[in-house]
Amino acid sequence: MPHTRRSLMDAAAARLGWRRAYTTTQVDDVLTEQTAAAHRKATDTAGRAVRPHDSALVMQPGILDIRARVLADVLHLEDLLDGARTYGMPSDLIHRLEKAVDHGHEMTVLLSDTIRATAGAHTAGH
């Protein structure tokens, strides 16, 4: 049985653990699943996060890692925004992507400031 382009894309998405969402209800289901999975993961790792920190520098590697992942995602969002603009997508979608990109860049700045604060706290003896 020949595979269509759509079935190959769906097969690849399934192999990578992606889920394609088309309707509002399906999108809401995906968002709910993502939130539940994040909460489960947070619960599983909470014990490690709560352990005593003997210095501010103990937090620094984790925050650096988070900033790197956020920055990579923001750059991906910028690519999506460029595509949306190039292909004349609806202005509401473009506006929301712009806001997400701006917010993402703001978050990377806040995380950078937090990383600097860990170094400052260490220098101050905390």
C-alpha atoms as a PDB file:
ATOM      1  CA  MET A   1       0.000   0.000   0.000  1.00  0.00           C
ATOM      2  CA  PRO A   2       1.618   3.292  -1.026  1.00  0.00           C
ATOM      3  CA  HIS A   3       2.150   5.921   1.630  1.00  0.00           C
ATOM      4  CA  THR A   4       0.965   9.441   1.087  1.00  0.00           C
ATOM      5  CA  ARG A   5       3.014  12.442   2.122  1.00  0.00           C
ATOM      6  CA  ARG A   6       0.634  13.009   5.035  1.00  0.00           C
ATOM      7  CA  SER A   7       0.982   9.450   6.328  1.00  0.00           C
ATOM      8  CA  LEU A   8       4.775   9.687   6.158  1.00  0.00           C
ATOM      9  CA  MET A   9       4.656  12.963   8.070  1.00  0.00           C
ATOM     10  CA  ASP A  10       2.301  11.444  10.635  1.00  0.00           C
ATOM     11  CA  ALA A  11       4.547   8.375  10.958  1.00  0.00           C
ATOM     12  CA  ALA A  12       7.610  10.570  11.479  1.00  0.00           C
ATOM     13  CA  ALA A  13       5.769  12.696  14.037  1.00  0.00           C
ATOM     14  CA  ALA A  14       4.632   9.583  15.906  1.00  0.00           C
ATOM     15  CA  ARG A  15       8.163   8.160  15.864  1.00  0.00           C
ATOM     16  CA  LEU A  16       9.495  11.377  17.398  1.00  0.00           C
ATOM     17  CA  GLY A  17       6.716  11.495  19.964  1.00  0.00           C
ATOM     18  CA  TRP A  18       5.059  14.486  18.365  1.00  0.00           C
ATOM     19  CA  ARG A  19       1.346  14.844  18.082  1.00  0.00           C
ATOM     20  CA  ARG A  20      -0.287  16.779  15.321  1.00  0.00           C
ATOM     21  CA  ALA A  21      -3.141  18.992  16.443  1.00  0.00           C
ATOM     22  CA  TYR A  22      -5.668  20.522  14.113  1.00  0.00           C
ATOM     23  CA  THR A  23      -8.919  21.420  15.840  1.00  0.00           C
ATOM     24  CA  THR A  24      -9.341  23.654  18.865  1.00  0.00           C
ATOM     25  CA  THR A  25     -10.336  20.641  20.932  1.00  0.00           C
ATOM     26  CA  GLN A  26      -7.270  18.687  19.796  1.00  0.00           C
ATOM     27  CA  VAL A  27      -5.006  21.653  20.553  1.00  0.00           C
ATOM     28  CA  ASP A  28      -6.565  21.965  24.020  1.00  0.00           C
ATOM     29  CA  ASP A  29      -5.983  18.230  24.571  1.00  0.00           C
ATOM     30  CA  VAL A  30      -2.306  18.558  23.612  1.00  0.00           C
ATOM     31  CA  LEU A  31      -1.851  21.582  25.893  1.00  0.00           C
ATOM     32  CA  THR A  32      -3.512  19.710  28.776  1.00  0.00           C
ATOM     33  CA  GLU A  33      -1.262  16.682  28.182  1.00  0.00           C
ATOM     34  CA  GLN A  34       1.851  18.893  28.110  1.00  0.00           C
ATOM     35  CA  THR A  35       0.882  20.571  31.377  1.00  0.00           C
ATOM     36  CA  ALA A  36       0.148  17.264  33.098  1.00  0.00           C
ATOM     37  CA  ALA A  37       3.443  15.765  31.899  1.00  0.00           C
ATOM     38  CA  ALA A  38       5.386  18.807  33.116  1.00  0.00           C
ATOM     39  CA  HIS A  39       3.735  18.593  36.527  1.00  0.00           C
ATOM     40  CA  ARG A  40       4.505  14.856  36.753  1.00  0.00           C
ATOM     41  CA  LYS A  41       8.123  15.495  35.863  1.00  0.00           C
ATOM     42  CA  ALA A  42       8.348  18.362  38.359  1.00  0.00           C
ATOM     43  CA  THR A  43       6.939  16.114  41.072  1.00  0.00           C
ATOM     44  CA  ASP A  44       9.460  13.394  40.195  1.00  0.00           C
ATOM     45  CA  THR A  45      12.393  15.812  40.425  1.00  0.00           C
ATOM     46  CA  ALA A  46      11.169  17.937  43.345  1.00  0.00           C
ATOM     47  CA  GLY A  47      13.310  16.103  45.878  1.00  0.00           C
ATOM     48  CA  ARG A  48      16.476  16.961  44.002  1.00  0.00           C
ATOM     49  CA  ALA A  49      15.476  20.618  43.686  1.00  0.00           C
ATOM     50  CA  VAL A  50      14.667  20.982  47.381  1.00  0.00           C
ATOM     51  CA  ARG A  51      17.944  19.550  48.659  1.00  0.00           C
ATOM     52  CA  PRO A  52      20.048  22.039  50.608  1.00  0.00           C
ATOM     53  CA  HIS A  53      22.112  24.432  48.555  1.00  0.00           C
ATOM     54  CA  ASP A  54      25.336  25.294  50.306  1.00  0.00           C
ATOM     55  CA  SER A  55      26.104  28.153  47.913  1.00  0.00           C
ATOM     56  CA  ALA A  56      24.458  30.205  45.213  1.00  0.00           C
ATOM     57  CA  LEU A  57      26.828  28.644  42.693  1.00  0.00           C
ATOM     58  CA  VAL A  58      25.111  25.270  43.141  1.00  0.00           C
ATOM     59  CA  MET A  59      22.094  26.705  41.294  1.00  0.00           C
ATOM     60  CA  GLN A  60      24.129  28.284  38.512  1.00  0.00           C
ATOM     61  CA  PRO A  61      24.541  25.254  36.179  1.00  0.00           C
ATOM     62  CA  GLY A  62      20.812  24.528  36.190  1.00  0.00           C
ATOM     63  CA  ILE A  63      19.898  28.122  35.448  1.00  0.00           C
ATOM     64  CA  LEU A  64      22.496  28.277  32.672  1.00  0.00           C
ATOM     65  CA  ASP A  65      20.986  25.141  31.152  1.00  0.00           C
ATOM     66  CA  ILE A  66      17.465  26.545  31.343  1.00  0.00           C
ATOM     67  CA  ARG A  67      18.572  29.812  29.698  1.00  0.00           C
ATOM     68  CA  ALA A  68      20.253  27.913  26.854  1.00  0.00           C
ATOM     69  CA  ARG A  69      17.085  25.900  26.185  1.00  0.00           C
ATOM     70  CA  VAL A  70      14.847  28.979  26.362  1.00  0.00           C
ATOM     71  CA  LEU A  71      17.136  30.899  23.997  1.00  0.00           C
ATOM     72  CA  ALA A  72      17.150  28.034  21.487  1.00  0.00           C
ATOM     73  CA  ASP A  73      13.354  27.876  21.630  1.00  0.00           C
ATOM     74  CA  VAL A  74      13.032  31.641  21.192  1.00  0.00           C
ATOM     75  CA  LEU A  75      15.244  31.515  18.113  1.00  0.00           C
ATOM     76  CA  HIS A  76      13.017  28.749  16.745  1.00  0.00           C
ATOM     77  CA  LEU A  77       9.985  30.962  17.442  1.00  0.00           C
ATOM     78  CA  GLU A  78      11.694  33.768  15.494  1.00  0.00           C
ATOM     79  CA  ASP A  79      12.021  31.407  12.523  1.00  0.00           C
ATOM     80  CA  LEU A  80       8.328  30.543  12.783  1.00  0.00           C
ATOM     81  CA  LEU A  81       7.484  34.250  12.975  1.00  0.00           C
ATOM     82  CA  ASP A  82       9.563  34.957   9.860  1.00  0.00           C
ATOM     83  CA  GLY A  83       7.728  32.157   8.053  1.00  0.00           C
ATOM     84  CA  ALA A  84       4.353  33.454   9.177  1.00  0.00           C
ATOM     85  CA  ARG A  85       5.219  36.909   7.864  1.00  0.00           C
ATOM     86  CA  THR A  86       6.672  35.573   4.607  1.00  0.00           C
ATOM     87  CA  TYR A  87       3.625  33.452   3.816  1.00  0.00           C
ATOM     88  CA  GLY A  88       1.048  36.060   4.821  1.00  0.00           C
ATOM     89  CA  MET A  89      -0.410  34.196   7.779  1.00  0.00           C
ATOM     90  CA  PRO A  90      -3.257  35.850   9.715  1.00  0.00           C
ATOM     91  CA  SER A  91      -2.262  39.016  11.571  1.00  0.00           C
ATOM     92  CA  ASP A  92      -3.533  37.606  14.902  1.00  0.00           C
ATOM     93  CA  LEU A  93      -1.102  34.673  14.598  1.00  0.00           C
ATOM     94  CA  ILE A  94       1.764  37.007  13.694  1.00  0.00           C
ATOM     95  CA  HIS A  95       0.916  39.301  16.615  1.00  0.00           C
ATOM     96  CA  ARG A  96       0.878  36.369  19.065  1.00  0.00           C
ATOM     97  CA  LEU A  97       4.173  35.037  17.727  1.00  0.00           C
ATOM     98  CA  GLU A  98       5.690  38.521  18.106  1.00  0.00           C
ATOM     99  CA  LYS A  99       4.531  38.633  21.729  1.00  0.00           C
ATOM    100  CA  ALA A 100       5.911  35.145  22.396  1.00  0.00           C
ATOM    101  CA  VAL A 101       9.284  36.100  20.867  1.00  0.00           C
ATOM    102  CA  ASP A 102       9.430  39.330  22.890  1.00  0.00           C
ATOM    103  CA  HIS A 103       8.507  37.503  26.078  1.00  0.00           C
ATOM    104  CA  GLY A 104      11.082  34.802  25.347  1.00  0.00           C
ATOM    105  CA  HIS A 105      13.844  37.364  24.877  1.00  0.00           C
ATOM    106  CA  GLU A 106      12.764  39.059  28.108  1.00  0.00           C
ATOM    107  CA  MET A 107      12.970  35.721  29.875  1.00  0.00           C
ATOM    108  CA  THR A 108      16.522  35.109  28.618  1.00  0.00           C
ATOM    109  CA  VAL A 109      17.540  38.528  29.972  1.00  0.00           C
ATOM    110  CA  LEU A 110      15.942  37.744  33.352  1.00  0.00           C
ATOM    111  CA  LEU A 111      17.710  34.392  33.463  1.00  0.00           C
ATOM    112  CA  SER A 112      21.016  36.069  32.564  1.00  0.00           C
ATOM    113  CA  ASP A 113      20.504  38.500  35.435  1.00  0.00           C
ATOM    114  CA  THR A 114      19.727  35.571  37.740  1.00  0.00           C
ATOM    115  CA  ILE A 115      22.919  33.795  36.684  1.00  0.00           C
ATOM    116  CA  ARG A 116      24.914  36.937  37.378  1.00  0.00           C
ATOM    117  CA  ALA A 117      23.207  37.157  40.781  1.00  0.00           C
ATOM    118  CA  THR A 118      24.437  33.659  41.658  1.00  0.00           C
ATOM    119  CA  ALA A 119      27.987  34.796  40.992  1.00  0.00           C
ATOM    120  CA  GLY A 120      27.423  37.998  42.956  1.00  0.00           C
ATOM    121  CA  ALA A 121      25.961  36.091  45.897  1.00  0.00           C
ATOM    122  CA  HIS A 122      28.942  33.734  45.856  1.00  0.00           C
ATOM    123  CA  THR A 123      31.364  36.669  45.841  1.00  0.00           C
ATOM    124  CA  ALA A 124      29.476  38.132  48.806  1.00  0.00           C
ATOM    125  CA  GLY A 125      29.974  34.854  50.673  1.00  0.00           C
ATOM    126  CA  HIS A 126      26.525  33.263  50.340  1.00  0.00           C
END
